[in-house]
Amino acid sequence: MMKFGLIGHPLAGSGSPALFAAAYGGRWQYDLIEGDDFEISWQRFIDEYQAINITAPFKEKAFAEILAHGVLGGGFPVDNGNDSCRAGNGADEVKAIGAINIAVKESDGLVHGYNSDYLGVLKILRDKGFGPGRTALVAGFGGAGKAAAAAAKAAGLDTLICNRTRYNPAIRPLEELPVLAGVADILIYTLAFPVPELDFLLKAGTGKTGGAKEPVHAADGNGFPAAILEANYRTPCLAGLPGYIPGTQWLRAQAETGYPLMTGLPVQNSI
């Protein structure tokens, strides 16, 4: 019987077992493989499990393991019962992210690595009709931000990135967030906390701060994002704003695209 699990540290309080059980009606065992030593946790996966999810601080180490000994896969959002989830598209995007959060033993005898952060955003963008000719602004460029930017580019959006630390000239200063949001169709906010540069959005909320009932124009006068996707679902800071897409929807999209890669079957229940 196939077994699945999650590696990382710490894992206390993780909702992954309940989410996986709900997706498949408890059909398979799903364990929290607790431990702060990556090599030991990875070996337990190799010895005992068909596929695993990977969380901090192991995503980059797992990526390096796959580059050295496995196959990097892109995956594909699945909404039917065929095997298209295993289409090898998006591997270059996942390589650019530099992290994986799914590892699967495949029929070729190798371990394949995927990134469902990337797949989840890609699914949301496609479901919401965001594609070529539209503009995405990604705020924050950590793991989630890199995955979001890769997904936006893969969906064909013009993609802007702003971050406090500028790793390369293509990343704009976070201070430009108000101006950039004025030209973006969707803002993907991946920082774990509110920053002062968000004040113009919060003041335009529909009850978040008691501000105006209608969206105001952004700093450059061009407008307000049609949608806002926030990664943080535990303590969100933008909930209630016009066009808000909660992080729980990103979490569901990750499950809907990632679990089929692990099990070979589409998610069978509403989650």
C-alpha atoms as a PDB file:
ATOM      1  CA  MET A   1       0.000   0.000   0.000  1.00  0.00           C
ATOM      2  CA  MET A   2       1.354   3.432  -0.944  1.00  0.00           C
ATOM      3  CA  LYS A   3       2.336   5.822   1.837  1.00  0.00           C
ATOM      4  CA  PHE A   4       2.805   9.579   1.654  1.00  0.00           C
ATOM      5  CA  GLY A   5       4.149  12.198   4.013  1.00  0.00           C
ATOM      6  CA  LEU A   6       5.720  15.569   4.731  1.00  0.00           C
ATOM      7  CA  ILE A   7       9.339  16.290   5.629  1.00  0.00           C
ATOM      8  CA  GLY A   8      10.597  19.470   7.276  1.00  0.00           C
ATOM      9  CA  HIS A   9      11.119  20.975  10.712  1.00  0.00           C
ATOM     10  CA  PRO A  10       9.192  21.886  12.758  1.00  0.00           C
ATOM     11  CA  LEU A  11       5.995  20.146  11.635  1.00  0.00           C
ATOM     12  CA  ALA A  12       3.812  20.485  14.727  1.00  0.00           C
ATOM     13  CA  GLY A  13       0.430  21.907  13.813  1.00  0.00           C
ATOM     14  CA  SER A  14       0.757  21.156  10.093  1.00  0.00           C
ATOM     15  CA  GLY A  15      -2.574  20.861   8.309  1.00  0.00           C
ATOM     16  CA  SER A  16      -1.158  18.667   5.541  1.00  0.00           C
ATOM     17  CA  PRO A  17      -2.368  15.296   6.896  1.00  0.00           C
ATOM     18  CA  ALA A  18      -5.947  16.553   7.209  1.00  0.00           C
ATOM     19  CA  LEU A  19      -5.862  18.194   3.774  1.00  0.00           C
ATOM     20  CA  PHE A  20      -4.506  15.046   2.115  1.00  0.00           C
ATOM     21  CA  ALA A  21      -7.030  12.847   3.942  1.00  0.00           C
ATOM     22  CA  ALA A  22      -9.878  15.108   2.820  1.00  0.00           C
ATOM     23  CA  ALA A  23      -8.664  15.082  -0.790  1.00  0.00           C
ATOM     24  CA  TYR A  24      -8.764  11.289  -1.018  1.00  0.00           C
ATOM     25  CA  GLY A  25     -11.224  10.307   1.680  1.00  0.00           C
ATOM     26  CA  GLY A  26      -8.540   8.832   3.894  1.00  0.00           C
ATOM     27  CA  ARG A  27      -7.584   6.245   1.277  1.00  0.00           C
ATOM     28  CA  TRP A  28      -3.837   6.435   1.980  1.00  0.00           C
ATOM     29  CA  GLN A  29      -1.617   6.955   4.977  1.00  0.00           C
ATOM     30  CA  TYR A  30       0.000  10.392   5.251  1.00  0.00           C
ATOM     31  CA  ASP A  31       2.670  10.948   7.936  1.00  0.00           C
ATOM     32  CA  LEU A  32       4.525  13.880   9.411  1.00  0.00           C
ATOM     33  CA  ILE A  33       8.150  12.808   9.005  1.00  0.00           C
ATOM     34  CA  GLU A  34       9.593  15.072  11.672  1.00  0.00           C
ATOM     35  CA  GLY A  35      13.338  15.762  11.836  1.00  0.00           C
ATOM     36  CA  ASP A  36      15.868  18.549  11.444  1.00  0.00           C
ATOM     37  CA  ASP A  37      18.378  16.458   9.467  1.00  0.00           C
ATOM     38  CA  PHE A  38      17.610  16.525   5.744  1.00  0.00           C
ATOM     39  CA  GLU A  39      19.627  13.430   4.844  1.00  0.00           C
ATOM     40  CA  ILE A  40      17.848  11.297   7.446  1.00  0.00           C
ATOM     41  CA  SER A  41      14.396  12.560   6.413  1.00  0.00           C
ATOM     42  CA  TRP A  42      15.163  12.049   2.721  1.00  0.00           C
ATOM     43  CA  GLN A  43      16.362   8.502   3.332  1.00  0.00           C
ATOM     44  CA  ARG A  44      13.137   7.702   5.180  1.00  0.00           C
ATOM     45  CA  PHE A  45      11.276   8.857   2.080  1.00  0.00           C
ATOM     46  CA  ILE A  46      13.416   6.627  -0.154  1.00  0.00           C
ATOM     47  CA  ASP A  47      12.957   3.637   2.147  1.00  0.00           C
ATOM     48  CA  GLU A  48       9.273   3.921   3.054  1.00  0.00           C
ATOM     49  CA  TYR A  49       7.212   6.330   0.948  1.00  0.00           C
ATOM     50  CA  GLN A  50       5.880   6.681  -2.578  1.00  0.00           C
ATOM     51  CA  ALA A  51       5.922  10.482  -2.542  1.00  0.00           C
ATOM     52  CA  ILE A  52       6.378  13.335  -0.096  1.00  0.00           C
ATOM     53  CA  ASN A  53       5.654  16.988   0.357  1.00  0.00           C
ATOM     54  CA  ILE A  54       8.607  19.112   1.453  1.00  0.00           C
ATOM     55  CA  THR A  55       8.503  22.210   3.627  1.00  0.00           C
ATOM     56  CA  ALA A  56      11.048  24.527   5.271  1.00  0.00           C
ATOM     57  CA  PRO A  57      13.940  24.298   5.680  1.00  0.00           C
ATOM     58  CA  PHE A  58      14.378  21.463   3.153  1.00  0.00           C
ATOM     59  CA  LYS A  59      13.006  22.813  -0.159  1.00  0.00           C
ATOM     60  CA  GLU A  60      16.357  24.003  -1.503  1.00  0.00           C
ATOM     61  CA  LYS A  61      18.212  20.901  -0.274  1.00  0.00           C
ATOM     62  CA  ALA A  62      15.646  18.668  -1.956  1.00  0.00           C
ATOM     63  CA  PHE A  63      16.055  20.693  -5.154  1.00  0.00           C
ATOM     64  CA  ALA A  64      19.826  20.096  -5.058  1.00  0.00           C
ATOM     65  CA  GLU A  65      19.242  16.373  -4.480  1.00  0.00           C
ATOM     66  CA  ILE A  66      16.945  16.170  -7.499  1.00  0.00           C
ATOM     67  CA  LEU A  67      19.390  18.069  -9.709  1.00  0.00           C
ATOM     68  CA  ALA A  68      22.140  15.640  -8.730  1.00  0.00           C
ATOM     69  CA  HIS A  69      20.275  12.336  -8.785  1.00  0.00           C
ATOM     70  CA  GLY A  70      16.723  12.761 -10.081  1.00  0.00           C
ATOM     71  CA  VAL A  71      14.558  14.500 -12.642  1.00  0.00           C
ATOM     72  CA  LEU A  72      13.182  18.012 -12.362  1.00  0.00           C
ATOM     73  CA  GLY A  73       9.569  18.144 -13.527  1.00  0.00           C
ATOM     74  CA  GLY A  74       7.222  21.003 -14.214  1.00  0.00           C
ATOM     75  CA  GLY A  75       3.936  19.232 -13.825  1.00  0.00           C
ATOM     76  CA  PHE A  76       0.645  20.512 -15.166  1.00  0.00           C
ATOM     77  CA  PRO A  77      -2.597  21.622 -13.481  1.00  0.00           C
ATOM     78  CA  VAL A  78      -5.091  18.762 -13.616  1.00  0.00           C
ATOM     79  CA  ASP A  79      -8.876  18.943 -13.557  1.00  0.00           C
ATOM     80  CA  ASN A  80      -9.742  15.584 -15.047  1.00  0.00           C
ATOM     81  CA  GLY A  81      -8.925  11.931 -14.671  1.00  0.00           C
ATOM     82  CA  ASN A  82      -6.265  11.572 -17.343  1.00  0.00           C
ATOM     83  CA  ASP A  83      -2.534  11.435 -16.831  1.00  0.00           C
ATOM     84  CA  SER A  84      -1.783  14.935 -18.108  1.00  0.00           C
ATOM     85  CA  CYS A  85      -0.537  15.856 -14.636  1.00  0.00           C
ATOM     86  CA  ARG A  86       2.725  14.176 -15.586  1.00  0.00           C
ATOM     87  CA  ALA A  87       3.331  16.267 -18.691  1.00  0.00           C
ATOM     88  CA  GLY A  88       6.898  17.553 -18.516  1.00  0.00           C
ATOM     89  CA  ASN A  89       6.155  21.237 -18.957  1.00  0.00           C
ATOM     90  CA  GLY A  90       7.483  23.956 -16.712  1.00  0.00           C
ATOM     91  CA  ALA A  91      10.751  22.303 -15.636  1.00  0.00           C
ATOM     92  CA  ASP A  92      12.742  25.376 -16.648  1.00  0.00           C
ATOM     93  CA  GLU A  93      10.512  27.554 -14.469  1.00  0.00           C
ATOM     94  CA  VAL A  94      10.977  25.247 -11.493  1.00  0.00           C
ATOM     95  CA  LYS A  95      14.735  25.309 -12.073  1.00  0.00           C
ATOM     96  CA  ALA A  96      14.638  29.109 -11.940  1.00  0.00           C
ATOM     97  CA  ILE A  97      12.773  28.950  -8.614  1.00  0.00           C
ATOM     98  CA  GLY A  98      15.526  26.805  -7.108  1.00  0.00           C
ATOM     99  CA  ALA A  99      13.255  24.841  -4.790  1.00  0.00           C
ATOM    100  CA  ILE A 100      10.842  21.910  -4.857  1.00  0.00           C
ATOM    101  CA  ASN A 101       8.123  20.885  -2.436  1.00  0.00           C
ATOM    102  CA  ILE A 102       7.097  17.547  -3.948  1.00  0.00           C
ATOM    103  CA  ALA A 103       9.230  14.463  -4.585  1.00  0.00           C
ATOM    104  CA  VAL A 104       7.791  11.378  -6.321  1.00  0.00           C
ATOM    105  CA  LYS A 105       9.221   7.952  -7.121  1.00  0.00           C
ATOM    106  CA  GLU A 106       8.379   7.397 -10.777  1.00  0.00           C
ATOM    107  CA  SER A 107       8.259   4.340 -13.019  1.00  0.00           C
ATOM    108  CA  ASP A 108      11.653   5.199 -14.564  1.00  0.00           C
ATOM    109  CA  GLY A 109      13.250   4.369 -11.211  1.00  0.00           C
ATOM    110  CA  LEU A 110      14.171   7.975 -10.480  1.00  0.00           C
ATOM    111  CA  VAL A 111      12.790  10.544  -8.093  1.00  0.00           C
ATOM    112  CA  HIS A 112      11.040  13.457  -9.804  1.00  0.00           C
ATOM    113  CA  GLY A 113      10.776  16.857  -8.136  1.00  0.00           C
ATOM    114  CA  TYR A 114       7.999  19.439  -8.567  1.00  0.00           C
ATOM    115  CA  ASN A 115       6.955  22.795  -7.138  1.00  0.00           C
ATOM    116  CA  SER A 116       3.251  23.096  -6.314  1.00  0.00           C
ATOM    117  CA  ASP A 117       3.655  26.712  -5.145  1.00  0.00           C
ATOM    118  CA  TYR A 118       4.299  27.453  -8.814  1.00  0.00           C
ATOM    119  CA  LEU A 119       1.543  25.145 -10.047  1.00  0.00           C
ATOM    120  CA  GLY A 120      -0.991  26.603  -7.629  1.00  0.00           C
ATOM    121  CA  VAL A 121      -0.453  30.176  -8.799  1.00  0.00           C
ATOM    122  CA  LEU A 122      -0.469  29.064 -12.426  1.00  0.00           C
ATOM    123  CA  LYS A 123      -3.842  27.363 -11.895  1.00  0.00           C
ATOM    124  CA  ILE A 124      -5.350  30.429 -10.204  1.00  0.00           C
ATOM    125  CA  LEU A 125      -4.143  32.750 -12.958  1.00  0.00           C
ATOM    126  CA  ARG A 126      -5.606  30.493 -15.653  1.00  0.00           C
ATOM    127  CA  ASP A 127      -8.878  29.983 -13.766  1.00  0.00           C
ATOM    128  CA  LYS A 128      -9.260  33.747 -13.277  1.00  0.00           C
ATOM    129  CA  GLY A 129      -8.518  34.525 -16.922  1.00  0.00           C
ATOM    130  CA  PHE A 130      -5.160  36.249 -16.426  1.00  0.00           C
ATOM    131  CA  GLY A 131      -2.946  35.668 -19.437  1.00  0.00           C
ATOM    132  CA  PRO A 132      -1.090  37.437 -22.245  1.00  0.00           C
ATOM    133  CA  GLY A 133      -1.707  41.161 -22.396  1.00  0.00           C
ATOM    134  CA  ARG A 134      -2.148  41.423 -18.616  1.00  0.00           C
ATOM    135  CA  THR A 135       0.371  42.533 -15.991  1.00  0.00           C
ATOM    136  CA  ALA A 136       1.257  40.899 -12.669  1.00  0.00           C
ATOM    137  CA  LEU A 137       3.112  42.540  -9.803  1.00  0.00           C
ATOM    138  CA  VAL A 138       4.819  40.192  -7.345  1.00  0.00           C
ATOM    139  CA  ALA A 139       5.671  41.776  -3.993  1.00  0.00           C
ATOM    140  CA  GLY A 140       8.407  39.863  -2.189  1.00  0.00           C
ATOM    141  CA  PHE A 141      10.986  37.551  -3.740  1.00  0.00           C
ATOM    142  CA  GLY A 142      11.507  34.718  -1.290  1.00  0.00           C
ATOM    143  CA  GLY A 143      10.457  31.166  -2.124  1.00  0.00           C
ATOM    144  CA  ALA A 144       6.786  31.994  -2.651  1.00  0.00           C
ATOM    145  CA  GLY A 145       7.634  35.137  -4.597  1.00  0.00           C
ATOM    146  CA  LYS A 146       9.959  33.288  -6.953  1.00  0.00           C
ATOM    147  CA  ALA A 147       7.281  30.640  -7.546  1.00  0.00           C
ATOM    148  CA  ALA A 148       4.620  33.310  -8.169  1.00  0.00           C
ATOM    149  CA  ALA A 149       6.829  35.227 -10.594  1.00  0.00           C
ATOM    150  CA  ALA A 150       7.665  32.043 -12.509  1.00  0.00           C
ATOM    151  CA  ALA A 151       3.967  31.164 -12.740  1.00  0.00           C
ATOM    152  CA  ALA A 152       2.988  34.633 -13.921  1.00  0.00           C
ATOM    153  CA  LYS A 153       5.629  34.518 -16.648  1.00  0.00           C
ATOM    154  CA  ALA A 154       4.556  31.001 -17.668  1.00  0.00           C
ATOM    155  CA  ALA A 155       0.958  32.223 -17.949  1.00  0.00           C
ATOM    156  CA  GLY A 156       2.126  34.904 -20.375  1.00  0.00           C
ATOM    157  CA  LEU A 157       1.707  37.932 -18.126  1.00  0.00           C
ATOM    158  CA  ASP A 158       4.079  40.864 -18.151  1.00  0.00           C
ATOM    159  CA  THR A 159       5.655  40.337 -14.734  1.00  0.00           C
ATOM    160  CA  LEU A 160       6.981  43.014 -12.399  1.00  0.00           C
ATOM    161  CA  ILE A 161       8.783  42.207  -9.148  1.00  0.00           C
ATOM    162  CA  CYS A 162       9.433  44.468  -6.193  1.00  0.00           C
ATOM    163  CA  ASN A 163      11.386  43.558  -3.076  1.00  0.00           C
ATOM    164  CA  ARG A 164      13.253  45.215  -0.233  1.00  0.00           C
ATOM    165  CA  THR A 165      16.468  43.474  -1.294  1.00  0.00           C
ATOM    166  CA  ARG A 166      17.292  43.824  -4.984  1.00  0.00           C
ATOM    167  CA  TYR A 167      19.054  40.641  -6.081  1.00  0.00           C
ATOM    168  CA  ASN A 168      19.292  41.864  -9.674  1.00  0.00           C
ATOM    169  CA  PRO A 169      18.435  45.012 -11.680  1.00  0.00           C
ATOM    170  CA  ALA A 170      15.100  43.528 -12.838  1.00  0.00           C
ATOM    171  CA  ILE A 171      13.777  43.694  -9.265  1.00  0.00           C
ATOM    172  CA  ARG A 172      12.263  47.067  -8.431  1.00  0.00           C
ATOM    173  CA  PRO A 173      12.558  48.700  -4.989  1.00  0.00           C
ATOM    174  CA  LEU A 174       9.684  47.942  -2.634  1.00  0.00           C
ATOM    175  CA  GLU A 175       9.136  51.687  -2.336  1.00  0.00           C
ATOM    176  CA  GLU A 176       7.758  51.583  -5.896  1.00  0.00           C
ATOM    177  CA  LEU A 177       4.943  49.199  -4.913  1.00  0.00           C
ATOM    178  CA  PRO A 178       2.208  51.917  -4.985  1.00  0.00           C
ATOM    179  CA  VAL A 179       3.205  53.047  -8.470  1.00  0.00           C
ATOM    180  CA  LEU A 180       3.644  49.537  -9.868  1.00  0.00           C
ATOM    181  CA  ALA A 181       0.317  48.387  -8.415  1.00  0.00           C
ATOM    182  CA  GLY A 182      -1.311  51.148 -10.410  1.00  0.00           C
ATOM    183  CA  VAL A 183      -0.373  49.441 -13.677  1.00  0.00           C
ATOM    184  CA  ALA A 184      -0.845  45.828 -12.522  1.00  0.00           C
ATOM    185  CA  ASP A 185      -3.930  43.737 -13.246  1.00  0.00           C
ATOM    186  CA  ILE A 186      -3.102  41.428 -10.341  1.00  0.00           C
ATOM    187  CA  LEU A 187      -0.943  41.970  -7.258  1.00  0.00           C
ATOM    188  CA  ILE A 188       0.546  38.787  -5.783  1.00  0.00           C
ATOM    189  CA  TYR A 189       1.621  39.649  -2.251  1.00  0.00           C
ATOM    190  CA  THR A 190       4.036  37.085  -0.809  1.00  0.00           C
ATOM    191  CA  LEU A 191       5.469  38.952   2.181  1.00  0.00           C
ATOM    192  CA  ALA A 192       4.461  37.547   5.566  1.00  0.00           C
ATOM    193  CA  PHE A 193       3.657  40.963   7.048  1.00  0.00           C
ATOM    194  CA  PRO A 194       2.247  44.344   6.001  1.00  0.00           C
ATOM    195  CA  VAL A 195       4.721  47.020   4.923  1.00  0.00           C
ATOM    196  CA  PRO A 196       4.199  50.804   4.925  1.00  0.00           C
ATOM    197  CA  GLU A 197       4.092  50.768   1.130  1.00  0.00           C
ATOM    198  CA  LEU A 198       0.687  49.035   1.406  1.00  0.00           C
ATOM    199  CA  ASP A 199      -0.955  52.028   3.078  1.00  0.00           C
ATOM    200  CA  PHE A 200      -2.561  53.250  -0.133  1.00  0.00           C
ATOM    201  CA  LEU A 201      -4.239  49.847  -0.619  1.00  0.00           C
ATOM    202  CA  LEU A 202      -5.369  49.498   2.975  1.00  0.00           C
ATOM    203  CA  LYS A 203      -6.890  52.981   3.007  1.00  0.00           C
ATOM    204  CA  ALA A 204      -8.871  52.019  -0.084  1.00  0.00           C
ATOM    205  CA  GLY A 205     -10.286  48.915   1.595  1.00  0.00           C
ATOM    206  CA  THR A 206     -13.919  48.027   2.046  1.00  0.00           C
ATOM    207  CA  GLY A 207     -13.820  47.729   5.796  1.00  0.00           C
ATOM    208  CA  LYS A 208     -10.249  46.639   6.481  1.00  0.00           C
ATOM    209  CA  THR A 209      -9.353  50.030   7.952  1.00  0.00           C
ATOM    210  CA  GLY A 210     -12.682  51.838   7.843  1.00  0.00           C
ATOM    211  CA  GLY A 211     -11.526  53.787   4.808  1.00  0.00           C
ATOM    212  CA  ALA A 212     -13.268  54.654   1.566  1.00  0.00           C
ATOM    213  CA  LYS A 213     -15.993  52.364   0.259  1.00  0.00           C
ATOM    214  CA  GLU A 214     -14.676  52.499  -3.309  1.00  0.00           C
ATOM    215  CA  PRO A 215     -11.101  51.822  -4.468  1.00  0.00           C
ATOM    216  CA  VAL A 216      -8.980  54.922  -4.909  1.00  0.00           C
ATOM    217  CA  HIS A 217      -6.418  55.362  -7.634  1.00  0.00           C
ATOM    218  CA  ALA A 218      -2.892  54.188  -6.992  1.00  0.00           C
ATOM    219  CA  ALA A 219      -0.036  56.639  -6.663  1.00  0.00           C
ATOM    220  CA  ASP A 220       0.433  57.107 -10.416  1.00  0.00           C
ATOM    221  CA  GLY A 221      -3.282  57.650 -11.049  1.00  0.00           C
ATOM    222  CA  ASN A 222      -3.670  54.713 -13.409  1.00  0.00           C
ATOM    223  CA  GLY A 223      -5.848  52.577 -11.202  1.00  0.00           C
ATOM    224  CA  PHE A 224      -6.123  49.718  -8.731  1.00  0.00           C
ATOM    225  CA  PRO A 225      -5.337  46.012  -9.294  1.00  0.00           C
ATOM    226  CA  ALA A 226      -8.324  44.004 -10.447  1.00  0.00           C
ATOM    227  CA  ALA A 227      -7.232  41.158  -8.159  1.00  0.00           C
ATOM    228  CA  ILE A 228      -4.982  40.688  -5.147  1.00  0.00           C
ATOM    229  CA  LEU A 229      -3.642  37.218  -4.284  1.00  0.00           C
ATOM    230  CA  GLU A 230      -2.049  36.937  -0.845  1.00  0.00           C
ATOM    231  CA  ALA A 231       0.204  34.020   0.084  1.00  0.00           C
ATOM    232  CA  ASN A 232      -0.201  34.345   3.873  1.00  0.00           C
ATOM    233  CA  TYR A 233      -3.371  32.520   4.891  1.00  0.00           C
ATOM    234  CA  ARG A 234      -2.734  32.305   8.643  1.00  0.00           C
ATOM    235  CA  THR A 235      -2.472  36.036   9.404  1.00  0.00           C
ATOM    236  CA  PRO A 236      -3.466  37.844   6.192  1.00  0.00           C
ATOM    237  CA  CYS A 237      -3.070  41.602   5.990  1.00  0.00           C
ATOM    238  CA  LEU A 238      -5.030  42.408   2.815  1.00  0.00           C
ATOM    239  CA  ALA A 239      -8.291  40.510   3.386  1.00  0.00           C
ATOM    240  CA  GLY A 240     -11.355  42.568   2.538  1.00  0.00           C
ATOM    241  CA  LEU A 241      -9.809  44.548  -0.282  1.00  0.00           C
ATOM    242  CA  PRO A 242     -11.548  44.602  -3.688  1.00  0.00           C
ATOM    243  CA  GLY A 243     -10.711  41.541  -5.809  1.00  0.00           C
ATOM    244  CA  TYR A 244      -9.096  39.733  -2.879  1.00  0.00           C
ATOM    245  CA  ILE A 245      -8.061  36.085  -3.385  1.00  0.00           C
ATOM    246  CA  PRO A 246      -7.147  34.481  -0.044  1.00  0.00           C
ATOM    247  CA  GLY A 247      -4.093  32.359   0.556  1.00  0.00           C
ATOM    248  CA  THR A 248      -6.369  29.429   1.365  1.00  0.00           C
ATOM    249  CA  GLN A 249      -7.313  29.386  -2.325  1.00  0.00           C
ATOM    250  CA  TRP A 250      -3.616  29.190  -3.220  1.00  0.00           C
ATOM    251  CA  LEU A 251      -3.312  26.329  -0.716  1.00  0.00           C
ATOM    252  CA  ARG A 252      -6.232  24.462  -2.340  1.00  0.00           C
ATOM    253  CA  ALA A 253      -4.779  25.045  -5.796  1.00  0.00           C
ATOM    254  CA  GLN A 254      -1.477  23.582  -4.615  1.00  0.00           C
ATOM    255  CA  ALA A 255      -3.289  20.473  -3.423  1.00  0.00           C
ATOM    256  CA  GLU A 256      -5.367  20.158  -6.593  1.00  0.00           C
ATOM    257  CA  THR A 257      -2.278  20.341  -8.802  1.00  0.00           C
ATOM    258  CA  GLY A 258       0.293  18.697  -6.530  1.00  0.00           C
ATOM    259  CA  TYR A 259      -1.510  15.712  -5.066  1.00  0.00           C
ATOM    260  CA  PRO A 260      -2.218  14.154  -8.495  1.00  0.00           C
ATOM    261  CA  LEU A 261       1.521  14.226  -9.154  1.00  0.00           C
ATOM    262  CA  MET A 262       2.035  12.272  -5.943  1.00  0.00           C
ATOM    263  CA  THR A 263      -0.760   9.730  -6.296  1.00  0.00           C
ATOM    264  CA  GLY A 264      -1.374   9.506 -10.044  1.00  0.00           C
ATOM    265  CA  LEU A 265      -5.064  10.345  -9.437  1.00  0.00           C
ATOM    266  CA  PRO A 266      -6.908  13.674  -9.435  1.00  0.00           C
ATOM    267  CA  VAL A 267      -8.164  14.988  -6.124  1.00  0.00           C
ATOM    268  CA  GLN A 268     -11.419  13.120  -5.490  1.00  0.00           C
ATOM    269  CA  ASN A 269     -13.188  15.318  -2.934  1.00  0.00           C
ATOM    270  CA  SER A 270     -13.809  18.999  -2.437  1.00  0.00           C
ATOM    271  CA  ILE A 271     -11.135  20.529  -0.213  1.00  0.00           C
END
